[in-house]
Amino acid sequence: MGMMPGGTFKNKAFRLGMIEFLSGVDPLIQDILFDPQTSGGLMICVKREQADALVSKLIDEGVAASKIIGEVISVPEEKIFVE
């Protein structure tokens, strides 16, 4: 419907400088990443060596959409790449 919470625009204005969208990322997906309704409880950060076991356990417990979506890297600092 094209409706977005007002907080989406505030989040985007605040964080856009630290995010780099690679070519081909749909603008709708870009907006979803800034949506304040999806900010909590969706991601868990664990050590790399624990990630596969955690995903398996979550799936076993009924969280079927569990998956590894990225990794934390040391450089460049304060930059998120979305592809």
C-alpha atoms as a PDB file:
ATOM      1  CA  MET A   1       0.000   0.000   0.000  1.00  0.00           C
ATOM      2  CA  GLY A   2       3.017   2.283   0.183  1.00  0.00           C
ATOM      3  CA  MET A   3       2.440   3.275   3.814  1.00  0.00           C
ATOM      4  CA  MET A   4       5.383   3.439   6.184  1.00  0.00           C
ATOM      5  CA  PRO A   5       5.655   4.537   9.814  1.00  0.00           C
ATOM      6  CA  GLY A   6       7.163   7.991  10.275  1.00  0.00           C
ATOM      7  CA  GLY A   7      10.024   6.444  12.235  1.00  0.00           C
ATOM      8  CA  THR A   8      11.237   4.792   9.021  1.00  0.00           C
ATOM      9  CA  PHE A   9      12.300   8.148   7.628  1.00  0.00           C
ATOM     10  CA  LYS A  10      13.957   9.196  10.893  1.00  0.00           C
ATOM     11  CA  ASN A  11      15.880   5.908  11.065  1.00  0.00           C
ATOM     12  CA  LYS A  12      16.939   6.249   7.435  1.00  0.00           C
ATOM     13  CA  ALA A  13      18.132   9.828   7.888  1.00  0.00           C
ATOM     14  CA  PHE A  14      20.095   8.835  10.994  1.00  0.00           C
ATOM     15  CA  ARG A  15      21.804   5.697   9.606  1.00  0.00           C
ATOM     16  CA  LEU A  16      21.965   6.009   5.813  1.00  0.00           C
ATOM     17  CA  GLY A  17      25.556   7.273   5.922  1.00  0.00           C
ATOM     18  CA  MET A  18      26.775   4.027   7.475  1.00  0.00           C
ATOM     19  CA  ILE A  19      25.038   1.703   4.997  1.00  0.00           C
ATOM     20  CA  GLU A  20      26.122   0.837   1.485  1.00  0.00           C
ATOM     21  CA  PHE A  21      23.540  -0.839  -0.721  1.00  0.00           C
ATOM     22  CA  LEU A  22      25.122  -2.776  -3.547  1.00  0.00           C
ATOM     23  CA  SER A  23      23.502  -2.455  -6.973  1.00  0.00           C
ATOM     24  CA  GLY A  24      20.303  -4.374  -7.421  1.00  0.00           C
ATOM     25  CA  VAL A  25      18.946  -4.015  -3.874  1.00  0.00           C
ATOM     26  CA  ASP A  26      15.250  -3.264  -4.290  1.00  0.00           C
ATOM     27  CA  PRO A  27      14.268   0.139  -2.804  1.00  0.00           C
ATOM     28  CA  LEU A  28      11.440  -1.589  -0.907  1.00  0.00           C
ATOM     29  CA  ILE A  29      13.964  -3.867   0.811  1.00  0.00           C
ATOM     30  CA  GLN A  30      16.062  -0.815   1.633  1.00  0.00           C
ATOM     31  CA  ASP A  31      13.066   0.827   3.315  1.00  0.00           C
ATOM     32  CA  ILE A  32      12.245  -2.333   5.276  1.00  0.00           C
ATOM     33  CA  LEU A  33      15.709  -2.238   6.826  1.00  0.00           C
ATOM     34  CA  PHE A  34      14.892   1.141   8.373  1.00  0.00           C
ATOM     35  CA  ASP A  35      11.354   0.245   9.487  1.00  0.00           C
ATOM     36  CA  PRO A  36      11.092   0.772  13.275  1.00  0.00           C
ATOM     37  CA  GLN A  37       8.550  -2.048  13.494  1.00  0.00           C
ATOM     38  CA  THR A  38      11.242  -4.582  12.587  1.00  0.00           C
ATOM     39  CA  SER A  39      14.034  -3.252  14.789  1.00  0.00           C
ATOM     40  CA  GLY A  40      13.767  -5.587  17.741  1.00  0.00           C
ATOM     41  CA  GLY A  41      14.247  -9.256  18.249  1.00  0.00           C
ATOM     42  CA  LEU A  42      15.026 -10.254  14.701  1.00  0.00           C
ATOM     43  CA  MET A  43      18.780 -10.714  14.858  1.00  0.00           C
ATOM     44  CA  ILE A  44      21.133 -12.517  17.189  1.00  0.00           C
ATOM     45  CA  CYS A  45      24.894 -12.096  17.083  1.00  0.00           C
ATOM     46  CA  VAL A  46      27.051 -15.040  18.155  1.00  0.00           C
ATOM     47  CA  LYS A  47      30.595 -16.197  17.568  1.00  0.00           C
ATOM     48  CA  ARG A  48      31.133 -17.712  14.124  1.00  0.00           C
ATOM     49  CA  GLU A  49      31.869 -21.159  15.577  1.00  0.00           C
ATOM     50  CA  GLN A  50      28.490 -21.155  17.385  1.00  0.00           C
ATOM     51  CA  ALA A  51      26.347 -19.918  14.487  1.00  0.00           C
ATOM     52  CA  ASP A  52      25.489 -23.190  12.743  1.00  0.00           C
ATOM     53  CA  ALA A  53      24.578 -24.912  16.001  1.00  0.00           C
ATOM     54  CA  LEU A  54      22.331 -22.010  16.998  1.00  0.00           C
ATOM     55  CA  VAL A  55      20.511 -22.016  13.662  1.00  0.00           C
ATOM     56  CA  SER A  56      19.973 -25.775  13.901  1.00  0.00           C
ATOM     57  CA  LYS A  57      18.621 -25.453  17.451  1.00  0.00           C
ATOM     58  CA  LEU A  58      16.266 -22.618  16.486  1.00  0.00           C
ATOM     59  CA  ILE A  59      14.912 -24.627  13.562  1.00  0.00           C
ATOM     60  CA  ASP A  60      14.479 -27.681  15.806  1.00  0.00           C
ATOM     61  CA  GLU A  61      12.490 -25.484  18.209  1.00  0.00           C
ATOM     62  CA  GLY A  62      10.134 -24.307  15.460  1.00  0.00           C
ATOM     63  CA  VAL A  63      11.773 -21.078  14.279  1.00  0.00           C
ATOM     64  CA  ALA A  64      11.816 -22.272  10.671  1.00  0.00           C
ATOM     65  CA  ALA A  65      13.002 -18.989   9.136  1.00  0.00           C
ATOM     66  CA  SER A  66      16.281 -19.025  11.088  1.00  0.00           C
ATOM     67  CA  LYS A  67      19.386 -18.507   9.001  1.00  0.00           C
ATOM     68  CA  ILE A  68      22.757 -16.812   8.931  1.00  0.00           C
ATOM     69  CA  ILE A  69      22.393 -13.480   7.150  1.00  0.00           C
ATOM     70  CA  GLY A  70      25.790 -11.853   7.570  1.00  0.00           C
ATOM     71  CA  GLU A  71      28.955 -11.489   9.535  1.00  0.00           C
ATOM     72  CA  VAL A  72      30.707  -8.845  11.589  1.00  0.00           C
ATOM     73  CA  ILE A  73      33.955  -7.715  10.021  1.00  0.00           C
ATOM     74  CA  SER A  74      36.634  -5.461  11.479  1.00  0.00           C
ATOM     75  CA  VAL A  75      36.930  -3.014   8.586  1.00  0.00           C
ATOM     76  CA  PRO A  76      35.613  -0.705   7.444  1.00  0.00           C
ATOM     77  CA  GLU A  77      34.435   0.421  10.837  1.00  0.00           C
ATOM     78  CA  GLU A  78      30.815   1.478  11.252  1.00  0.00           C
ATOM     79  CA  LYS A  79      29.767   0.397   7.763  1.00  0.00           C
ATOM     80  CA  ILE A  80      27.016  -2.060   6.796  1.00  0.00           C
ATOM     81  CA  PHE A  81      27.010  -3.608   3.325  1.00  0.00           C
ATOM     82  CA  VAL A  82      23.707  -4.879   1.935  1.00  0.00           C
ATOM     83  CA  GLU A  83      23.656  -7.024  -1.179  1.00  0.00           C
END
